[in-house]
Amino acid sequence: MFKEMFSTKRILYYVFICCVSFTSLAVILSTLNFCIEISASIQYVYIIEWFSVCFMIALVMFFTDMFTENSGKYFIMFTHIADIAFWVFGLGGFVYGWFPLTLLGFGVAFGVLIGVYFVTCIIMYLFDKKWVDDINKIITEQRKVRMNDKKDN
């Protein structure tokens, strides 16, 4: 059981989530920053902070998914959003000071959080679908080979 929980495939899946969510976050925040302040630039420290939060989110999701893997999809979505909100509001809001600690600041942060979550979900769905299609193609080819072998005998 321990070996299955910490398999390379499972770890790479969450590393991929971290990278996709970081990229989505960077694009969304860079676009918002550009639209609000036309000549503003993003400081390097923000990029490191964004990645650290995305990494912590992926790490916590890795462990919470172990406990919720047999749950419904809406419960899993809720736990993912709770994991994300904990790190975005806790580390991003209180420690890094990404947004003002006002109702409007929390609202904007929550909107970005939901946007990044759904972009990441869509991208992960598309990659999962591609992987499943590839696996089904291999299985179909193997069945054809087996059927041809049976006909030859």
N, C-alpha and C. Protein backbone atom coordinates (compact mmCIF):
# COMPACT_ATOMS: atom_id res chain seq x y z
N MET A 1 0.83 -1.19 0.00
CA MET A 1 0.00 0.00 0.00
C MET A 1 0.87 1.26 0.00
N PHE A 2 1.91 1.27 0.82
CA PHE A 2 2.80 2.42 0.90
C PHE A 2 3.48 2.68 -0.44
N LYS A 3 3.89 1.58 -1.08
CA LYS A 3 4.57 1.70 -2.38
C LYS A 3 3.64 2.29 -3.43
N GLU A 4 2.37 1.89 -3.40
CA GLU A 4 1.39 2.40 -4.36
C GLU A 4 1.10 3.88 -4.13
N MET A 5 1.02 4.29 -2.85
CA MET A 5 0.71 5.69 -2.53
C MET A 5 1.82 6.63 -2.97
N PHE A 6 3.06 6.17 -2.94
CA PHE A 6 4.19 7.01 -3.29
C PHE A 6 4.85 6.56 -4.59
N SER A 7 4.04 6.09 -5.52
CA SER A 7 4.58 5.65 -6.81
C SER A 7 5.07 6.85 -7.61
N THR A 8 5.98 6.59 -8.51
CA THR A 8 6.53 7.65 -9.34
C THR A 8 5.44 8.30 -10.18
N LYS A 9 4.54 7.49 -10.71
CA LYS A 9 3.46 8.02 -11.54
C LYS A 9 2.59 8.98 -10.75
N ARG A 10 2.25 8.61 -9.52
CA ARG A 10 1.41 9.47 -8.68
C ARG A 10 2.12 10.76 -8.32
N ILE A 11 3.40 10.67 -7.98
CA ILE A 11 4.18 11.87 -7.64
C ILE A 11 4.30 12.79 -8.85
N LEU A 12 4.57 12.22 -10.02
CA LEU A 12 4.68 13.03 -11.23
C LEU A 12 3.36 13.72 -11.57
N TYR A 13 2.26 13.07 -11.29
CA TYR A 13 0.95 13.67 -11.53
C TYR A 13 0.81 14.97 -10.72
N TYR A 14 1.21 14.95 -9.47
CA TYR A 14 1.08 16.14 -8.64
C TYR A 14 2.16 17.18 -8.96
N VAL A 15 3.31 16.76 -9.41
CA VAL A 15 4.31 17.71 -9.91
C VAL A 15 3.75 18.43 -11.13
N PHE A 16 3.08 17.67 -11.99
CA PHE A 16 2.44 18.26 -13.17
C PHE A 16 1.36 19.25 -12.77
N ILE A 17 0.56 18.91 -11.76
CA ILE A 17 -0.46 19.84 -11.25
C ILE A 17 0.21 21.12 -10.75
N CYS A 18 1.31 20.98 -10.03
CA CYS A 18 2.04 22.14 -9.52
C CYS A 18 2.49 23.03 -10.68
N CYS A 19 3.05 22.43 -11.70
CA CYS A 19 3.57 23.21 -12.83
C CYS A 19 2.44 23.87 -13.62
N VAL A 20 1.35 23.15 -13.84
CA VAL A 20 0.22 23.72 -14.58
C VAL A 20 -0.42 24.85 -13.78
N SER A 21 -0.61 24.65 -12.49
CA SER A 21 -1.24 25.71 -11.68
C SER A 21 -0.32 26.92 -11.55
N PHE A 22 0.98 26.70 -11.45
CA PHE A 22 1.92 27.82 -11.40
C PHE A 22 1.88 28.62 -12.71
N THR A 23 1.88 27.92 -13.83
CA THR A 23 1.82 28.60 -15.12
C THR A 23 0.51 29.36 -15.27
N SER A 24 -0.59 28.74 -14.89
CA SER A 24 -1.90 29.41 -14.97
C SER A 24 -1.92 30.65 -14.08
N LEU A 25 -1.40 30.50 -12.87
CA LEU A 25 -1.36 31.63 -11.94
C LEU A 25 -0.50 32.76 -12.50
N ALA A 26 0.65 32.42 -13.05
CA ALA A 26 1.54 33.45 -13.60
C ALA A 26 0.90 34.19 -14.76
N VAL A 27 0.23 33.45 -15.63
CA VAL A 27 -0.43 34.09 -16.78
C VAL A 27 -1.58 34.98 -16.32
N ILE A 28 -2.42 34.47 -15.42
CA ILE A 28 -3.57 35.26 -14.94
C ILE A 28 -3.11 36.50 -14.20
N LEU A 29 -2.17 36.35 -13.26
CA LEU A 29 -1.72 37.52 -12.49
C LEU A 29 -0.93 38.50 -13.35
N SER A 30 -0.15 38.01 -14.29
CA SER A 30 0.57 38.91 -15.18
C SER A 30 -0.39 39.70 -16.05
N THR A 31 -1.42 39.04 -16.53
CA THR A 31 -2.43 39.72 -17.34
C THR A 31 -3.17 40.77 -16.53
N LEU A 32 -3.59 40.40 -15.31
CA LEU A 32 -4.26 41.36 -14.44
C LEU A 32 -3.34 42.54 -14.12
N ASN A 33 -2.08 42.24 -13.83
CA ASN A 33 -1.12 43.29 -13.50
C ASN A 33 -0.91 44.22 -14.69
N PHE A 34 -0.82 43.66 -15.88
CA PHE A 34 -0.63 44.46 -17.09
C PHE A 34 -1.85 45.33 -17.36
N CYS A 35 -3.06 44.78 -17.16
CA CYS A 35 -4.28 45.54 -17.41
C CYS A 35 -4.48 46.67 -16.40
N ILE A 36 -4.06 46.44 -15.18
CA ILE A 36 -4.25 47.46 -14.14
C ILE A 36 -3.16 48.52 -14.22
N GLU A 37 -1.91 48.11 -14.34
CA GLU A 37 -0.77 49.03 -14.42
C GLU A 37 -0.01 48.71 -15.70
N ILE A 38 -0.24 49.48 -16.72
CA ILE A 38 0.27 49.18 -18.06
C ILE A 38 1.78 48.97 -18.08
N SER A 39 2.54 49.76 -17.36
CA SER A 39 3.99 49.64 -17.43
C SER A 39 4.60 48.87 -16.27
N ALA A 40 3.77 48.27 -15.43
CA ALA A 40 4.29 47.57 -14.25
C ALA A 40 4.96 46.26 -14.64
N SER A 41 5.95 45.88 -13.86
CA SER A 41 6.61 44.60 -14.08
C SER A 41 6.47 43.75 -12.82
N ILE A 42 6.59 42.45 -13.00
CA ILE A 42 6.50 41.50 -11.89
C ILE A 42 7.90 41.31 -11.32
N GLN A 43 8.02 41.41 -10.00
CA GLN A 43 9.31 41.21 -9.35
C GLN A 43 9.60 39.71 -9.24
N TYR A 44 10.88 39.37 -9.28
CA TYR A 44 11.29 37.98 -9.22
C TYR A 44 10.83 37.29 -7.94
N VAL A 45 10.79 38.01 -6.85
CA VAL A 45 10.39 37.40 -5.58
C VAL A 45 8.94 36.90 -5.65
N TYR A 46 8.09 37.60 -6.41
CA TYR A 46 6.71 37.14 -6.56
C TYR A 46 6.65 35.78 -7.26
N ILE A 47 7.50 35.60 -8.25
CA ILE A 47 7.50 34.34 -8.99
C ILE A 47 7.90 33.19 -8.06
N ILE A 48 8.87 33.41 -7.21
CA ILE A 48 9.28 32.39 -6.25
C ILE A 48 8.15 32.14 -5.24
N GLU A 49 7.49 33.20 -4.79
CA GLU A 49 6.38 33.04 -3.87
C GLU A 49 5.23 32.28 -4.53
N TRP A 50 4.92 32.59 -5.77
CA TRP A 50 3.84 31.89 -6.47
C TRP A 50 4.16 30.41 -6.57
N PHE A 51 5.40 30.10 -6.93
CA PHE A 51 5.75 28.69 -7.06
C PHE A 51 5.70 27.99 -5.71
N SER A 52 6.16 28.66 -4.66
CA SER A 52 6.13 28.01 -3.34
C SER A 52 4.71 27.69 -2.90
N VAL A 53 3.78 28.59 -3.18
CA VAL A 53 2.38 28.33 -2.83
C VAL A 53 1.81 27.21 -3.69
N CYS A 54 2.11 27.22 -4.98
CA CYS A 54 1.64 26.14 -5.86
C CYS A 54 2.22 24.80 -5.44
N PHE A 55 3.47 24.80 -5.02
CA PHE A 55 4.09 23.56 -4.55
C PHE A 55 3.42 23.05 -3.28
N MET A 56 3.17 23.94 -2.34
CA MET A 56 2.52 23.54 -1.09
C MET A 56 1.10 23.02 -1.35
N ILE A 57 0.39 23.67 -2.28
CA ILE A 57 -0.95 23.22 -2.62
C ILE A 57 -0.90 21.81 -3.20
N ALA A 58 0.01 21.58 -4.15
CA ALA A 58 0.13 20.24 -4.77
C ALA A 58 0.52 19.20 -3.72
N LEU A 59 1.40 19.56 -2.80
CA LEU A 59 1.82 18.63 -1.76
C LEU A 59 0.66 18.26 -0.84
N VAL A 60 -0.11 19.24 -0.42
CA VAL A 60 -1.25 18.97 0.45
C VAL A 60 -2.32 18.18 -0.31
N MET A 61 -2.53 18.51 -1.59
CA MET A 61 -3.50 17.76 -2.39
C MET A 61 -3.06 16.30 -2.53
N PHE A 62 -1.77 16.07 -2.65
CA PHE A 62 -1.23 14.71 -2.74
C PHE A 62 -1.68 13.89 -1.54
N PHE A 63 -1.57 14.47 -0.35
CA PHE A 63 -1.93 13.73 0.86
C PHE A 63 -3.44 13.68 1.10
N THR A 64 -4.16 14.78 0.84
CA THR A 64 -5.61 14.74 1.06
C THR A 64 -6.30 13.83 0.05
N ASP A 65 -5.76 13.72 -1.15
CA ASP A 65 -6.36 12.82 -2.14
C ASP A 65 -6.24 11.36 -1.72
N MET A 66 -5.27 11.04 -0.89
CA MET A 66 -5.16 9.67 -0.38
C MET A 66 -6.37 9.31 0.49
N PHE A 67 -6.89 10.31 1.21
CA PHE A 67 -8.01 10.07 2.11
C PHE A 67 -9.35 10.20 1.41
N THR A 68 -9.40 10.93 0.29
CA THR A 68 -10.68 11.19 -0.37
C THR A 68 -10.82 10.48 -1.71
N GLU A 69 -9.93 9.54 -2.02
CA GLU A 69 -9.95 8.93 -3.34
C GLU A 69 -11.22 8.12 -3.61
N ASN A 70 -11.91 7.65 -2.59
CA ASN A 70 -13.15 6.90 -2.78
C ASN A 70 -14.39 7.77 -2.60
N SER A 71 -14.19 9.08 -2.52
CA SER A 71 -15.31 10.01 -2.32
C SER A 71 -15.85 10.46 -3.66
N GLY A 72 -16.97 11.19 -3.60
CA GLY A 72 -17.58 11.74 -4.81
C GLY A 72 -16.76 12.89 -5.38
N LYS A 73 -17.01 13.20 -6.65
CA LYS A 73 -16.20 14.24 -7.31
C LYS A 73 -16.45 15.62 -6.72
N TYR A 74 -17.66 15.90 -6.24
CA TYR A 74 -17.92 17.22 -5.66
C TYR A 74 -17.23 17.38 -4.31
N PHE A 75 -17.18 16.31 -3.54
CA PHE A 75 -16.45 16.36 -2.27
C PHE A 75 -14.96 16.56 -2.52
N ILE A 76 -14.43 15.89 -3.54
CA ILE A 76 -13.01 16.04 -3.88
C ILE A 76 -12.74 17.47 -4.35
N MET A 77 -13.64 18.03 -5.17
CA MET A 77 -13.49 19.43 -5.60
C MET A 77 -13.49 20.36 -4.40
N PHE A 78 -14.40 20.13 -3.46
CA PHE A 78 -14.47 20.96 -2.26
C PHE A 78 -13.18 20.88 -1.45
N THR A 79 -12.65 19.68 -1.27
CA THR A 79 -11.40 19.55 -0.51
C THR A 79 -10.23 20.20 -1.25
N HIS A 80 -10.21 20.09 -2.57
CA HIS A 80 -9.15 20.77 -3.34
C HIS A 80 -9.23 22.28 -3.16
N ILE A 81 -10.44 22.83 -3.28
CA ILE A 81 -10.59 24.28 -3.12
C ILE A 81 -10.25 24.70 -1.69
N ALA A 82 -10.59 23.86 -0.70
CA ALA A 82 -10.21 24.17 0.69
C ALA A 82 -8.70 24.13 0.86
N ASP A 83 -8.03 23.14 0.27
CA ASP A 83 -6.57 23.08 0.32
C ASP A 83 -5.96 24.34 -0.30
N ILE A 84 -6.47 24.71 -1.46
CA ILE A 84 -5.94 25.88 -2.17
C ILE A 84 -6.19 27.15 -1.37
N ALA A 85 -7.42 27.30 -0.86
CA ALA A 85 -7.76 28.51 -0.10
C ALA A 85 -6.90 28.63 1.15
N PHE A 86 -6.64 27.52 1.81
CA PHE A 86 -5.80 27.55 3.01
C PHE A 86 -4.43 28.17 2.70
N TRP A 87 -3.79 27.71 1.62
CA TRP A 87 -2.45 28.20 1.29
C TRP A 87 -2.48 29.58 0.66
N VAL A 88 -3.47 29.85 -0.18
CA VAL A 88 -3.53 31.18 -0.81
C VAL A 88 -3.81 32.25 0.23
N PHE A 89 -4.80 32.02 1.08
CA PHE A 89 -5.13 33.03 2.09
C PHE A 89 -4.12 33.04 3.23
N GLY A 90 -3.66 31.87 3.64
CA GLY A 90 -2.70 31.80 4.74
C GLY A 90 -1.33 32.29 4.36
N LEU A 91 -0.70 31.59 3.44
CA LEU A 91 0.66 31.94 3.06
C LEU A 91 0.68 33.17 2.14
N GLY A 92 -0.18 33.16 1.12
CA GLY A 92 -0.19 34.26 0.16
C GLY A 92 -0.70 35.56 0.75
N GLY A 93 -1.79 35.50 1.48
CA GLY A 93 -2.40 36.71 2.03
C GLY A 93 -1.74 37.23 3.29
N PHE A 94 -1.55 36.36 4.26
CA PHE A 94 -1.05 36.81 5.56
C PHE A 94 0.48 36.90 5.61
N VAL A 95 1.18 35.97 5.00
CA VAL A 95 2.64 35.96 5.08
C VAL A 95 3.26 36.81 3.97
N TYR A 96 2.86 36.53 2.72
CA TYR A 96 3.47 37.23 1.58
C TYR A 96 2.81 38.57 1.29
N GLY A 97 1.62 38.81 1.79
CA GLY A 97 0.94 40.08 1.58
C GLY A 97 0.57 40.34 0.13
N TRP A 98 0.10 39.30 -0.58
CA TRP A 98 -0.26 39.44 -1.98
C TRP A 98 -1.44 40.36 -2.22
N PHE A 99 -2.34 40.42 -1.28
CA PHE A 99 -3.55 41.22 -1.45
C PHE A 99 -3.92 41.84 -0.11
N PRO A 100 -4.64 42.96 -0.15
CA PRO A 100 -5.05 43.59 1.12
C PRO A 100 -6.04 42.69 1.86
N LEU A 101 -5.93 42.68 3.15
CA LEU A 101 -6.79 41.82 3.97
C LEU A 101 -8.13 42.50 4.21
N THR A 102 -8.81 42.76 3.12
CA THR A 102 -10.15 43.35 3.15
C THR A 102 -11.09 42.40 2.43
N LEU A 103 -12.37 42.69 2.50
CA LEU A 103 -13.35 41.84 1.83
C LEU A 103 -13.11 41.84 0.32
N LEU A 104 -12.80 43.00 -0.24
CA LEU A 104 -12.52 43.09 -1.67
C LEU A 104 -11.25 42.31 -2.02
N GLY A 105 -10.22 42.44 -1.19
CA GLY A 105 -8.97 41.70 -1.43
C GLY A 105 -9.18 40.20 -1.41
N PHE A 106 -9.95 39.73 -0.42
CA PHE A 106 -10.25 38.30 -0.35
C PHE A 106 -11.11 37.86 -1.54
N GLY A 107 -12.02 38.72 -1.96
CA GLY A 107 -12.88 38.40 -3.11
C GLY A 107 -12.09 38.26 -4.40
N VAL A 108 -11.19 39.20 -4.64
CA VAL A 108 -10.36 39.14 -5.84
C VAL A 108 -9.45 37.92 -5.78
N ALA A 109 -8.85 37.66 -4.63
CA ALA A 109 -7.98 36.50 -4.47
C ALA A 109 -8.76 35.21 -4.69
N PHE A 110 -9.98 35.15 -4.17
CA PHE A 110 -10.80 33.96 -4.36
C PHE A 110 -11.18 33.79 -5.84
N GLY A 111 -11.44 34.88 -6.53
CA GLY A 111 -11.74 34.81 -7.96
C GLY A 111 -10.56 34.28 -8.75
N VAL A 112 -9.35 34.76 -8.44
CA VAL A 112 -8.14 34.26 -9.11
C VAL A 112 -7.93 32.79 -8.76
N LEU A 113 -8.14 32.45 -7.49
CA LEU A 113 -8.02 31.06 -7.04
C LEU A 113 -8.92 30.14 -7.83
N ILE A 114 -10.18 30.51 -7.99
CA ILE A 114 -11.14 29.68 -8.73
C ILE A 114 -10.75 29.62 -10.21
N GLY A 115 -10.30 30.74 -10.77
CA GLY A 115 -9.87 30.74 -12.16
C GLY A 115 -8.70 29.80 -12.40
N VAL A 116 -7.70 29.87 -11.54
CA VAL A 116 -6.54 28.98 -11.67
C VAL A 116 -6.96 27.53 -11.47
N TYR A 117 -7.85 27.28 -10.52
CA TYR A 117 -8.31 25.91 -10.26
C TYR A 117 -8.99 25.32 -11.49
N PHE A 118 -9.89 26.08 -12.10
CA PHE A 118 -10.61 25.53 -13.25
C PHE A 118 -9.72 25.41 -14.49
N VAL A 119 -8.81 26.34 -14.69
CA VAL A 119 -7.86 26.20 -15.81
C VAL A 119 -7.02 24.94 -15.60
N THR A 120 -6.54 24.74 -14.39
CA THR A 120 -5.74 23.54 -14.08
C THR A 120 -6.57 22.28 -14.27
N CYS A 121 -7.83 22.29 -13.81
CA CYS A 121 -8.70 21.12 -13.98
C CYS A 121 -8.92 20.81 -15.46
N ILE A 122 -9.14 21.82 -16.27
CA ILE A 122 -9.37 21.60 -17.69
C ILE A 122 -8.13 21.03 -18.36
N ILE A 123 -6.98 21.59 -18.05
CA ILE A 123 -5.73 21.10 -18.65
C ILE A 123 -5.45 19.68 -18.19
N MET A 124 -5.64 19.39 -16.91
CA MET A 124 -5.41 18.04 -16.41
C MET A 124 -6.40 17.05 -17.04
N TYR A 125 -7.64 17.47 -17.23
CA TYR A 125 -8.62 16.61 -17.89
C TYR A 125 -8.19 16.29 -19.31
N LEU A 126 -7.72 17.29 -20.04
CA LEU A 126 -7.30 17.06 -21.43
C LEU A 126 -6.10 16.11 -21.49
N PHE A 127 -5.14 16.29 -20.59
CA PHE A 127 -3.99 15.38 -20.56
C PHE A 127 -4.40 13.97 -20.12
N ASP A 128 -5.29 13.88 -19.12
CA ASP A 128 -5.78 12.56 -18.69
C ASP A 128 -6.50 11.86 -19.83
N LYS A 129 -7.32 12.61 -20.56
CA LYS A 129 -8.05 12.03 -21.70
C LYS A 129 -7.07 11.54 -22.76
N LYS A 130 -6.03 12.31 -23.01
CA LYS A 130 -5.02 11.89 -24.00
C LYS A 130 -4.32 10.61 -23.54
N TRP A 131 -3.95 10.55 -22.26
CA TRP A 131 -3.29 9.36 -21.74
C TRP A 131 -4.21 8.14 -21.82
N VAL A 132 -5.49 8.32 -21.47
CA VAL A 132 -6.44 7.21 -21.53
C VAL A 132 -6.62 6.75 -22.98
N ASP A 133 -6.74 7.69 -23.89
CA ASP A 133 -6.87 7.34 -25.31
C ASP A 133 -5.65 6.56 -25.80
N ASP A 134 -4.46 6.98 -25.38
CA ASP A 134 -3.23 6.26 -25.76
C ASP A 134 -3.23 4.84 -25.20
N ILE A 135 -3.64 4.69 -23.96
CA ILE A 135 -3.69 3.36 -23.34
C ILE A 135 -4.72 2.49 -24.05
N ASN A 136 -5.88 3.05 -24.35
CA ASN A 136 -6.91 2.28 -25.06
C ASN A 136 -6.44 1.87 -26.45
N LYS A 137 -5.67 2.71 -27.10
CA LYS A 137 -5.12 2.39 -28.42
C LYS A 137 -4.16 1.20 -28.31
N ILE A 138 -3.32 1.20 -27.29
CA ILE A 138 -2.39 0.09 -27.07
C ILE A 138 -3.14 -1.19 -26.77
N ILE A 139 -4.18 -1.12 -25.94
CA ILE A 139 -4.98 -2.30 -25.61
C ILE A 139 -5.66 -2.85 -26.85
N THR A 140 -6.21 -1.96 -27.67
CA THR A 140 -6.87 -2.40 -28.90
C THR A 140 -5.88 -3.09 -29.84
N GLU A 141 -4.70 -2.53 -29.96
CA GLU A 141 -3.67 -3.15 -30.81
C GLU A 141 -3.26 -4.51 -30.28
N GLN A 142 -3.13 -4.64 -28.96
CA GLN A 142 -2.78 -5.93 -28.37
C GLN A 142 -3.88 -6.97 -28.58
N ARG A 143 -5.13 -6.55 -28.50
CA ARG A 143 -6.25 -7.47 -28.75
C ARG A 143 -6.23 -7.96 -30.19
N LYS A 144 -5.94 -7.04 -31.12
CA LYS A 144 -5.87 -7.43 -32.53
C LYS A 144 -4.77 -8.46 -32.75
N VAL A 145 -3.63 -8.25 -32.10
CA VAL A 145 -2.52 -9.20 -32.24
C VAL A 145 -2.92 -10.56 -31.67
N ARG A 146 -3.57 -10.59 -30.53
CA ARG A 146 -4.01 -11.84 -29.92
C ARG A 146 -5.05 -12.55 -30.78
N MET A 147 -5.96 -11.78 -31.36
CA MET A 147 -6.99 -12.38 -32.22
C MET A 147 -6.36 -12.98 -33.48
N ASN A 148 -5.37 -12.30 -34.03
CA ASN A 148 -4.66 -12.82 -35.20
C ASN A 148 -3.88 -14.08 -34.86
N ASP A 149 -3.30 -14.12 -33.66
CA ASP A 149 -2.57 -15.31 -33.22
C ASP A 149 -3.53 -16.50 -33.06
N LYS A 150 -4.74 -16.25 -32.55
CA LYS A 150 -5.72 -17.33 -32.38
C LYS A 150 -6.19 -17.86 -33.74
N LYS A 151 -6.34 -16.95 -34.70
CA LYS A 151 -6.78 -17.37 -36.04
C LYS A 151 -5.72 -18.22 -36.72
N ASP A 152 -4.45 -17.90 -36.47
CA ASP A 152 -3.35 -18.65 -37.09
C ASP A 152 -3.25 -20.07 -36.52
N ASN A 153 -3.67 -20.28 -35.29
CA ASN A 153 -3.56 -21.61 -34.66
C ASN A 153 -4.70 -22.42 -35.05
